[in-house]
């Protein structure tokens, strides 16, 4: 039997299933990686961390207005190629 992973180690799917409560508890403070076939598959994070990472910070217009390229007077040309055939 595999010893339980430390906070900085990843979990196999089998160990994560067997110790789901512990995975959830540790994810409250540190993201927990679950591996499948030896490769990272998913990361479990707290709901608070997920909310922080996925909350929109402003609008697209605000983002564009704050761009360092704003006012750079870039000379961009639009391509005038024929549209592609959607059947291809």
PDB file of N, CA and C in Angstrom:
ATOM      1  N   UNK A   1       0.841  -1.191   0.000  1.00  0.00           N
ATOM      2  CA  UNK A   1       0.000   0.000   0.000  1.00  0.00           C
ATOM      3  C   UNK A   1       0.881   1.248   0.000  1.00  0.00           C
ATOM      4  N   UNK A   2       0.469   2.229  -0.781  1.00  0.00           N
ATOM      5  CA  UNK A   2       1.230   3.462  -0.945  1.00  0.00           C
ATOM      6  C   UNK A   2       0.993   4.386   0.248  1.00  0.00           C
ATOM      7  N   UNK A   3       2.053   4.987   0.803  1.00  0.00           N
ATOM      8  CA  UNK A   3       1.849   5.930   1.906  1.00  0.00           C
ATOM      9  C   UNK A   3       1.114   7.165   1.402  1.00  0.00           C
ATOM     10  N   UNK A   4       0.364   7.844   2.279  1.00  0.00           N
ATOM     11  CA  UNK A   4      -0.350   9.048   1.831  1.00  0.00           C
ATOM     12  C   UNK A   4       0.624  10.120   1.386  1.00  0.00           C
ATOM     13  N   UNK A   5       0.266  10.874   0.349  1.00  0.00           N
ATOM     14  CA  UNK A   5       1.172  11.912  -0.155  1.00  0.00           C
ATOM     15  C   UNK A   5       1.295  13.066   0.828  1.00  0.00           C
ATOM     16  N   UNK A   6       2.419  13.729   0.755  1.00  0.00           N
ATOM     17  CA  UNK A   6       2.627  14.938   1.542  1.00  0.00           C
ATOM     18  C   UNK A   6       1.960  16.105   0.811  1.00  0.00           C
ATOM     19  N   UNK A   7       1.864  17.257   1.461  1.00  0.00           N
ATOM     20  CA  UNK A   7       1.168  18.409   0.885  1.00  0.00           C
ATOM     21  C   UNK A   7       1.760  18.833  -0.453  1.00  0.00           C
ATOM     22  N   UNK A   8       3.082  18.620  -0.630  1.00  0.00           N
ATOM     23  CA  UNK A   8       3.708  19.066  -1.867  1.00  0.00           C
ATOM     24  C   UNK A   8       3.822  17.939  -2.891  1.00  0.00           C
ATOM     25  N   UNK A   9       3.243  16.776  -2.610  1.00  0.00           N
ATOM     26  CA  UNK A   9       3.259  15.663  -3.540  1.00  0.00           C
ATOM     27  C   UNK A   9       1.927  15.564  -4.255  1.00  0.00           C
ATOM     28  N   UNK A  10       1.921  14.782  -5.332  1.00  0.00           N
ATOM     29  CA  UNK A  10       0.666  14.580  -6.048  1.00  0.00           C
ATOM     30  C   UNK A  10       0.032  13.266  -5.600  1.00  0.00           C
ATOM     31  N   UNK A  11      -1.241  13.123  -5.890  1.00  0.00           N
ATOM     32  CA  UNK A  11      -2.014  11.942  -5.535  1.00  0.00           C
ATOM     33  C   UNK A  11      -2.287  11.126  -6.791  1.00  0.00           C
ATOM     34  N   UNK A  12      -2.276   9.817  -6.672  1.00  0.00           N
ATOM     35  CA  UNK A  12      -2.768   8.987  -7.757  1.00  0.00           C
ATOM     36  C   UNK A  12      -4.289   9.004  -7.673  1.00  0.00           C
ATOM     37  N   UNK A  13      -4.954   8.607  -8.733  1.00  0.00           N
ATOM     38  CA  UNK A  13      -6.417   8.551  -8.707  1.00  0.00           C
ATOM     39  C   UNK A  13      -6.876   7.636  -7.576  1.00  0.00           C
ATOM     40  N   UNK A  14      -6.232   6.486  -7.442  1.00  0.00           N
ATOM     41  CA  UNK A  14      -6.632   5.519  -6.408  1.00  0.00           C
ATOM     42  C   UNK A  14      -6.465   6.096  -5.007  1.00  0.00           C
ATOM     43  N   UNK A  15      -5.323   6.765  -4.745  1.00  0.00           N
ATOM     44  CA  UNK A  15      -5.120   7.322  -3.410  1.00  0.00           C
ATOM     45  C   UNK A  15      -6.051   8.502  -3.157  1.00  0.00           C
ATOM     46  N   UNK A  16      -6.347   9.286  -4.194  1.00  0.00           N
ATOM     47  CA  UNK A  16      -7.281  10.405  -4.035  1.00  0.00           C
ATOM     48  C   UNK A  16      -8.686   9.893  -3.730  1.00  0.00           C
ATOM     49  N   UNK A  17      -9.089   8.801  -4.382  1.00  0.00           N
ATOM     50  CA  UNK A  17     -10.403   8.205  -4.099  1.00  0.00           C
ATOM     51  C   UNK A  17     -10.469   7.714  -2.660  1.00  0.00           C
ATOM     52  N   UNK A  18      -9.420   7.039  -2.241  1.00  0.00           N
ATOM     53  CA  UNK A  18      -9.397   6.465  -0.895  1.00  0.00           C
ATOM     54  C   UNK A  18      -9.330   7.535   0.190  1.00  0.00           C
ATOM     55  N   UNK A  19      -8.756   8.672  -0.124  1.00  0.00           N
ATOM     56  CA  UNK A  19      -8.541   9.725   0.886  1.00  0.00           C
ATOM     57  C   UNK A  19      -9.142  11.056   0.438  1.00  0.00           C
ATOM     58  N   UNK A  20     -10.317  11.006  -0.181  1.00  0.00           N
ATOM     59  CA  UNK A  20     -10.915  12.212  -0.732  1.00  0.00           C
ATOM     60  C   UNK A  20     -11.064  13.324   0.302  1.00  0.00           C
ATOM     61  N   UNK A  21     -11.477  12.976   1.507  1.00  0.00           N
ATOM     62  CA  UNK A  21     -11.620  14.000   2.551  1.00  0.00           C
ATOM     63  C   UNK A  21     -10.294  14.704   2.819  1.00  0.00           C
ATOM     64  N   UNK A  22      -9.201  13.942   2.823  1.00  0.00           N
ATOM     65  CA  UNK A  22      -7.887  14.536   3.056  1.00  0.00           C
ATOM     66  C   UNK A  22      -7.461  15.410   1.883  1.00  0.00           C
ATOM     67  N   UNK A  23      -7.749  14.962   0.655  1.00  0.00           N
ATOM     68  CA  UNK A  23      -7.438  15.763  -0.534  1.00  0.00           C
ATOM     69  C   UNK A  23      -8.154  17.106  -0.427  1.00  0.00           C
ATOM     70  N   UNK A  24      -9.437  17.067  -0.075  1.00  0.00           N
ATOM     71  CA  UNK A  24     -10.226  18.300   0.050  1.00  0.00           C
ATOM     72  C   UNK A  24      -9.674  19.187   1.156  1.00  0.00           C
ATOM     73  N   UNK A  25      -9.346  18.589   2.277  1.00  0.00           N
ATOM     74  CA  UNK A  25      -8.815  19.365   3.415  1.00  0.00           C
ATOM     75  C   UNK A  25      -7.510  20.057   3.036  1.00  0.00           C
ATOM     76  N   UNK A  26      -6.606  19.320   2.399  1.00  0.00           N
ATOM     77  CA  UNK A  26      -5.323  19.916   1.999  1.00  0.00           C
ATOM     78  C   UNK A  26      -5.496  20.971   0.913  1.00  0.00           C
ATOM     79  N   UNK A  27      -6.490  20.778   0.047  1.00  0.00           N
ATOM     80  CA  UNK A  27      -6.726  21.738  -1.040  1.00  0.00           C
ATOM     81  C   UNK A  27      -7.189  23.090  -0.516  1.00  0.00           C
ATOM     82  N   UNK A  28      -7.658  23.139   0.727  1.00  0.00           N
ATOM     83  CA  UNK A  28      -8.060  24.416   1.312  1.00  0.00           C
ATOM     84  C   UNK A  28      -6.875  25.368   1.459  1.00  0.00           C
ATOM     85  N   UNK A  29      -5.668  24.805   1.572  1.00  0.00           N
ATOM     86  CA  UNK A  29      -4.495  25.660   1.734  1.00  0.00           C
ATOM     87  C   UNK A  29      -3.496  25.544   0.583  1.00  0.00           C
ATOM     88  N   UNK A  30      -3.467  24.387  -0.097  1.00  0.00           N
ATOM     89  CA  UNK A  30      -2.505  24.167  -1.174  1.00  0.00           C
ATOM     90  C   UNK A  30      -3.158  23.364  -2.292  1.00  0.00           C
ATOM     91  N   UNK A  31      -3.037  23.799  -3.543  1.00  0.00           N
ATOM     92  CA  UNK A  31      -3.604  23.010  -4.639  1.00  0.00           C
ATOM     93  C   UNK A  31      -3.062  21.576  -4.619  1.00  0.00           C
ATOM     94  N   UNK A  32      -3.932  20.610  -4.889  1.00  0.00           N
ATOM     95  CA  UNK A  32      -3.571  19.195  -4.875  1.00  0.00           C
ATOM     96  C   UNK A  32      -3.665  18.636  -6.293  1.00  0.00           C
ATOM     97  N   UNK A  33      -2.580  18.038  -6.766  1.00  0.00           N
ATOM     98  CA  UNK A  33      -2.539  17.464  -8.107  1.00  0.00           C
ATOM     99  C   UNK A  33      -2.896  15.986  -8.038  1.00  0.00           C
ATOM    100  N   UNK A  34      -3.764  15.559  -8.935  1.00  0.00           N
ATOM    101  CA  UNK A  34      -4.108  14.147  -9.047  1.00  0.00           C
ATOM    102  C   UNK A  34      -3.574  13.666 -10.391  1.00  0.00           C
ATOM    103  N   UNK A  35      -2.827  12.569 -10.341  1.00  0.00           N
ATOM    104  CA  UNK A  35      -2.219  12.029 -11.550  1.00  0.00           C
ATOM    105  C   UNK A  35      -2.976  10.800 -12.038  1.00  0.00           C
ATOM    106  N   UNK A  36      -2.908  10.600 -13.336  1.00  0.00           N
ATOM    107  CA  UNK A  36      -3.470   9.397 -13.964  1.00  0.00           C
ATOM    108  C   UNK A  36      -2.384   8.850 -14.881  1.00  0.00           C
ATOM    109  N   UNK A  37      -2.068   7.577 -14.697  1.00  0.00           N
ATOM    110  CA  UNK A  37      -1.001   6.936 -15.465  1.00  0.00           C
ATOM    111  C   UNK A  37       0.322   7.696 -15.347  1.00  0.00           C
ATOM    112  N   UNK A  38       0.585   8.224 -14.154  1.00  0.00           N
ATOM    113  CA  UNK A  38       1.843   8.907 -13.890  1.00  0.00           C
ATOM    114  C   UNK A  38       1.942  10.328 -14.407  1.00  0.00           C
ATOM    115  N   UNK A  39       0.873  10.851 -15.008  1.00  0.00           N
ATOM    116  CA  UNK A  39       0.896  12.209 -15.557  1.00  0.00           C
ATOM    117  C   UNK A  39      -0.131  13.070 -14.833  1.00  0.00           C
ATOM    118  N   UNK A  40       0.193  14.335 -14.572  1.00  0.00           N
ATOM    119  CA  UNK A  40      -0.795  15.215 -13.933  1.00  0.00           C
ATOM    120  C   UNK A  40      -2.076  15.260 -14.753  1.00  0.00           C
ATOM    121  N   UNK A  41      -3.204  15.089 -14.074  1.00  0.00           N
ATOM    122  CA  UNK A  41      -4.490  15.052 -14.760  1.00  0.00           C
ATOM    123  C   UNK A  41      -5.385  16.215 -14.341  1.00  0.00           C
ATOM    124  N   UNK A  42      -5.505  16.430 -13.037  1.00  0.00           N
ATOM    125  CA  UNK A  42      -6.331  17.521 -12.532  1.00  0.00           C
ATOM    126  C   UNK A  42      -5.677  18.133 -11.298  1.00  0.00           C
ATOM    127  N   UNK A  43      -6.112  19.343 -10.980  1.00  0.00           N
ATOM    128  CA  UNK A  43      -5.671  20.010  -9.763  1.00  0.00           C
ATOM    129  C   UNK A  43      -6.917  20.374  -8.974  1.00  0.00           C
ATOM    130  N   UNK A  44      -6.919  20.017  -7.704  1.00  0.00           N
ATOM    131  CA  UNK A  44      -8.033  20.341  -6.816  1.00  0.00           C
ATOM    132  C   UNK A  44      -7.626  21.570  -6.013  1.00  0.00           C
ATOM    133  N   UNK A  45      -8.465  22.606  -6.083  1.00  0.00           N
ATOM    134  CA  UNK A  45      -8.215  23.833  -5.323  1.00  0.00           C
ATOM    135  C   UNK A  45      -9.451  24.167  -4.506  1.00  0.00           C
ATOM    136  N   UNK A  46      -9.289  25.022  -3.529  1.00  0.00           N
ATOM    137  CA  UNK A  46     -10.424  25.442  -2.710  1.00  0.00           C
ATOM    138  C   UNK A  46     -11.392  26.267  -3.559  1.00  0.00           C
ATOM    139  N   UNK A  47     -12.632  26.311  -3.117  1.00  0.00           N
ATOM    140  CA  UNK A  47     -13.637  27.114  -3.819  1.00  0.00           C
ATOM    141  C   UNK A  47     -13.219  28.587  -3.827  1.00  0.00           C
ATOM    142  N   UNK A  48     -12.625  29.031  -2.734  1.00  0.00           N
ATOM    143  CA  UNK A  48     -12.160  30.428  -2.643  1.00  0.00           C
ATOM    144  C   UNK A  48     -11.088  30.712  -3.694  1.00  0.00           C
ATOM    145  N   UNK A  49     -10.126  29.794  -3.852  1.00  0.00           N
ATOM    146  CA  UNK A  49      -9.070  29.972  -4.856  1.00  0.00           C
ATOM    147  C   UNK A  49      -9.649  29.950  -6.262  1.00  0.00           C
ATOM    148  N   UNK A  50     -10.576  29.032  -6.525  1.00  0.00           N
ATOM    149  CA  UNK A  50     -11.216  28.940  -7.844  1.00  0.00           C
ATOM    150  C   UNK A  50     -11.937  30.248  -8.164  1.00  0.00           C
ATOM    151  N   UNK A  51     -12.682  30.775  -7.205  1.00  0.00           N
ATOM    152  CA  UNK A  51     -13.409  32.033  -7.402  1.00  0.00           C
ATOM    153  C   UNK A  51     -12.444  33.167  -7.701  1.00  0.00           C
ATOM    154  N   UNK A  52     -11.340  33.204  -6.957  1.00  0.00           N
ATOM    155  CA  UNK A  52     -10.342  34.259  -7.152  1.00  0.00           C
ATOM    156  C   UNK A  52      -9.731  34.184  -8.551  1.00  0.00           C
ATOM    157  N   UNK A  53      -9.469  32.966  -9.025  1.00  0.00           N
ATOM    158  CA  UNK A  53      -8.835  32.795 -10.329  1.00  0.00           C
ATOM    159  C   UNK A  53      -9.789  33.024 -11.500  1.00  0.00           C
ATOM    160  N   UNK A  54     -11.091  32.814 -11.288  1.00  0.00           N
ATOM    161  CA  UNK A  54     -12.026  32.878 -12.409  1.00  0.00           C
ATOM    162  C   UNK A  54     -12.893  34.131 -12.432  1.00  0.00           C
ATOM    163  N   UNK A  55     -12.812  34.959 -11.412  1.00  0.00           N
ATOM    164  CA  UNK A  55     -13.617  36.178 -11.387  1.00  0.00           C
ATOM    165  C   UNK A  55     -13.072  37.184 -12.390  1.00  0.00           C
ATOM    166  N   UNK A  56     -13.970  37.702 -13.201  1.00  0.00           N
ATOM    167  CA  UNK A  56     -13.582  38.689 -14.209  1.00  0.00           C
ATOM    168  C   UNK A  56     -13.149  39.973 -13.511  1.00  0.00           C
ATOM    169  N   UNK A  57     -12.059  40.522 -13.989  1.00  0.00           N
ATOM    170  CA  UNK A  57     -11.528  41.764 -13.428  1.00  0.00           C
ATOM    171  C   UNK A  57     -11.696  42.866 -14.458  1.00  0.00           C
ATOM    172  N   UNK A  58     -12.858  43.489 -14.491  1.00  0.00           N
ATOM    173  CA  UNK A  58     -13.113  44.557 -15.437  1.00  0.00           C
ATOM    174  C   UNK A  58     -13.694  44.037 -16.743  1.00  0.00           C
ATOM    175  N   UNK A  59     -13.951  44.959 -17.642  1.00  0.00           N
ATOM    176  CA  UNK A  59     -14.544  44.629 -18.931  1.00  0.00           C
ATOM    177  C   UNK A  59     -13.454  44.563 -20.000  1.00  0.00           C
ATOM    178  N   UNK A  60     -13.802  44.038 -21.157  1.00  0.00           N
ATOM    179  CA  UNK A  60     -12.867  44.001 -22.274  1.00  0.00           C
ATOM    180  C   UNK A  60     -12.460  45.424 -22.667  1.00  0.00           C
ATOM    181  N   UNK A  61     -13.418  46.330 -22.650  1.00  0.00           N
ATOM    182  CA  UNK A  61     -13.113  47.727 -23.001  1.00  0.00           C
ATOM    183  C   UNK A  61     -12.092  48.320 -22.026  1.00  0.00           C
ATOM    184  N   UNK A  62     -12.247  48.044 -20.734  1.00  0.00           N
ATOM    185  CA  UNK A  62     -11.285  48.551 -19.742  1.00  0.00           C
ATOM    186  C   UNK A  62      -9.903  47.948 -19.969  1.00  0.00           C
ATOM    187  N   UNK A  63      -9.870  46.656 -20.287  1.00  0.00           N
ATOM    188  CA  UNK A  63      -8.600  45.996 -20.571  1.00  0.00           C
ATOM    189  C   UNK A  63      -7.903  46.648 -21.765  1.00  0.00           C
ATOM    190  N   UNK A  64      -8.654  46.880 -22.836  1.00  0.00           N
ATOM    191  CA  UNK A  64      -8.072  47.485 -24.026  1.00  0.00           C
ATOM    192  C   UNK A  64      -7.622  48.922 -23.767  1.00  0.00           C
ATOM    193  N   UNK A  65      -8.382  49.655 -22.959  1.00  0.00           N
ATOM    194  CA  UNK A  65      -8.010  51.041 -22.643  1.00  0.00           C
ATOM    195  C   UNK A  65      -6.713  51.098 -21.830  1.00  0.00           C
ATOM    196  N   UNK A  66      -6.441  50.048 -21.054  1.00  0.00           N
ATOM    197  CA  UNK A  66      -5.233  50.019 -20.223  1.00  0.00           C
ATOM    198  C   UNK A  66      -4.042  49.379 -20.933  1.00  0.00           C
ATOM    199  N   UNK A  67      -4.218  48.976 -22.167  1.00  0.00           N
ATOM    200  CA  UNK A  67      -3.156  48.299 -22.907  1.00  0.00           C
ATOM    201  C   UNK A  67      -1.956  49.222 -23.100  1.00  0.00           C
ATOM    202  N   UNK A  68      -0.758  48.685 -22.920  1.00  0.00           N
ATOM    203  CA  UNK A  68       0.432  49.502 -23.174  1.00  0.00           C
ATOM    204  C   UNK A  68       0.570  49.862 -24.657  1.00  0.00           C
ATOM    205  N   UNK A  69      -0.167  49.170 -25.537  1.00  0.00           N
ATOM    206  CA  UNK A  69      -0.112  49.481 -26.964  1.00  0.00           C
ATOM    207  C   UNK A  69      -1.069  50.602 -27.356  1.00  0.00           C
ATOM    208  N   UNK A  70      -1.923  51.010 -26.424  1.00  0.00           N
ATOM    209  CA  UNK A  70      -2.863  52.092 -26.727  1.00  0.00           C
ATOM    210  C   UNK A  70      -2.070  53.352 -27.061  1.00  0.00           C
ATOM    211  N   UNK A  71      -2.384  53.936 -28.185  1.00  0.00           N
ATOM    212  CA  UNK A  71      -1.701  55.156 -28.603  1.00  0.00           C
ATOM    213  C   UNK A  71      -0.354  54.892 -29.260  1.00  0.00           C
ATOM    214  N   UNK A  72      -0.021  53.631 -29.523  1.00  0.00           N
ATOM    215  CA  UNK A  72       1.271  53.308 -30.129  1.00  0.00           C
ATOM    216  C   UNK A  72       1.281  53.579 -31.630  1.00  0.00           C
ATOM    217  N   UNK A  73       0.117  53.930 -32.192  1.00  0.00           N
ATOM    218  CA  UNK A  73       0.002  54.263 -33.606  1.00  0.00           C
ATOM    219  C   UNK A  73       0.555  53.142 -34.492  1.00  0.00           C
ATOM    220  N   UNK A  74       0.093  51.930 -34.220  1.00  0.00           N
ATOM    221  CA  UNK A  74       0.499  50.783 -35.029  1.00  0.00           C
ATOM    222  C   UNK A  74      -0.139  50.871 -36.403  1.00  0.00           C
ATOM    223  N   UNK A  75       0.613  50.519 -37.407  1.00  0.00           N
ATOM    224  CA  UNK A  75       0.107  50.525 -38.778  1.00  0.00           C
ATOM    225  C   UNK A  75      -0.250  49.090 -39.148  1.00  0.00           C
ATOM    226  N   UNK A  76      -1.513  48.729 -39.002  1.00  0.00           N
ATOM    227  CA  UNK A  76      -1.963  47.379 -39.278  1.00  0.00           C
ATOM    228  C   UNK A  76      -2.775  47.358 -40.557  1.00  0.00           C
ATOM    229  N   UNK A  77      -2.463  46.399 -41.419  1.00  0.00           N
ATOM    230  CA  UNK A  77      -3.217  46.246 -42.655  1.00  0.00           C
ATOM    231  C   UNK A  77      -4.064  44.999 -42.575  1.00  0.00           C
ATOM    232  N   UNK A  78      -5.298  45.111 -42.990  1.00  0.00           N
ATOM    233  CA  UNK A  78      -6.185  43.964 -43.023  1.00  0.00           C
ATOM    234  C   UNK A  78      -5.907  43.171 -44.293  1.00  0.00           C
ATOM    235  N   UNK A  79      -5.849  41.841 -44.130  1.00  0.00           N
ATOM    236  CA  UNK A  79      -5.647  41.006 -45.304  1.00  0.00           C
ATOM    237  C   UNK A  79      -6.898  41.036 -46.156  1.00  0.00           C
ATOM    238  N   UNK A  80      -6.716  41.059 -47.458  1.00  0.00           N
ATOM    239  CA  UNK A  80      -7.842  41.118 -48.392  1.00  0.00           C
ATOM    240  C   UNK A  80      -7.999  39.789 -49.142  1.00  0.00           C
ATOM    241  N   UNK A  81      -7.594  38.689 -48.526  1.00  0.00           N
ATOM    242  CA  UNK A  81      -7.718  37.370 -49.151  1.00  0.00           C
ATOM    243  C   UNK A  81      -9.183  37.033 -49.376  1.00  0.00           C
ATOM    244  N   UNK A  82      -9.400  36.150 -50.327  1.00  0.00           N
ATOM    245  CA  UNK A  82     -10.751  35.649 -50.571  1.00  0.00           C
ATOM    246  C   UNK A  82     -11.153  34.766 -49.392  1.00  0.00           C
ATOM    247  N   UNK A  83     -12.443  34.736 -49.064  1.00  0.00           N
ATOM    248  CA  UNK A  83     -12.870  33.844 -47.976  1.00  0.00           C
ATOM    249  C   UNK A  83     -12.603  32.391 -48.332  1.00  0.00           C
ATOM    250  N   UNK A  84     -12.330  31.588 -47.313  1.00  0.00           N
ATOM    251  CA  UNK A  84     -12.061  30.166 -47.578  1.00  0.00           C
ATOM    252  C   UNK A  84     -13.377  29.444 -47.843  1.00  0.00           C
ATOM    253  N   UNK A  85     -13.302  28.342 -48.541  1.00  0.00           N
ATOM    254  CA  UNK A  85     -14.475  27.521 -48.841  1.00  0.00           C
ATOM    255  C   UNK A  85     -14.802  26.689 -47.607  1.00  0.00           C
ATOM    256  N   UNK A  86     -15.960  26.897 -46.974  1.00  0.00           N
ATOM    257  CA  UNK A  86     -16.285  26.165 -45.748  1.00  0.00           C
ATOM    258  C   UNK A  86     -16.469  24.672 -45.975  1.00  0.00           C
ATOM    259  N   UNK A  87     -16.656  24.238 -47.237  1.00  0.00           N
ATOM    260  CA  UNK A  87     -16.830  22.813 -47.521  1.00  0.00           C
ATOM    261  C   UNK A  87     -15.500  22.074 -47.426  1.00  0.00           C
ATOM    262  N   UNK A  88     -14.390  22.772 -47.414  1.00  0.00           N
ATOM    263  CA  UNK A  88     -13.081  22.111 -47.361  1.00  0.00           C
ATOM    264  C   UNK A  88     -12.690  21.773 -45.968  1.00  0.00           C
TER     265      UNK A  88
END
